[in-house]
């Protein structure tokens, strides 16, 4: 089997051959460990073994393994020759053999993992959607509750310290920027930055939202654009 794999150039073809061979061998082995060894049972276990072997790449993806991805990356040694991927193929063969030998248990396990991961992703999307909705409500409330600031009151914010903070917040898309990033860009004490942003918020020059895990993000209002 290894000689055949070595002479094949495409990793995908190699993987398919490994999955088929291991599926058949593992299926036969699964049959031999049982008490019944009829043609129907062997055929059934071979089919389940091949299916389980084909599911191995999905399993490796779920556990964040790079065994397969490394096969598609051509690496050269110090002598300039291409490094052989025999070890990766052997490891993959071992996974396929175990999967086919315990086909039913393996397939039940991997299907459970896929469903669990899908449910977690759905929960994460719902959580992010809730955060976004809450942020939009916060913006709406802040917009309605804050009054317009007059031109004379804007003058006190035309200082270098306020300008530095507002320039860091400003961006072409007028999107919210994380407060932690702004603190790394502005050459002022973090306590002073928090104090100035709070003053800007109270004067309807900056709007703030709360992201996940208590992180905050800020953006400029239309009034702030007048003094930039």
Foldseek 3Di string as FASTA:
>chain_A
DLVVLVPDDDLVVSLLVLLLVLLLVLLQLLQVVDDDDDPVSSVVLSVLLSVQLVCLVVVCVLVVHCLSVVVVDFDADPVRHTDDSSVSSVVSSVSSNVCSNVRVVSVVVSVVSVVVVVVVVVVVVVVQVVQVVVQVVQVVVLVVPADADDPVVCVVCLDPQNVLLQVLQDDPVQDWDWPVVSVVRHPDDPVVSVVSVVVCSNNQQKGKGAHPPRTITIGGDPNVVVSD
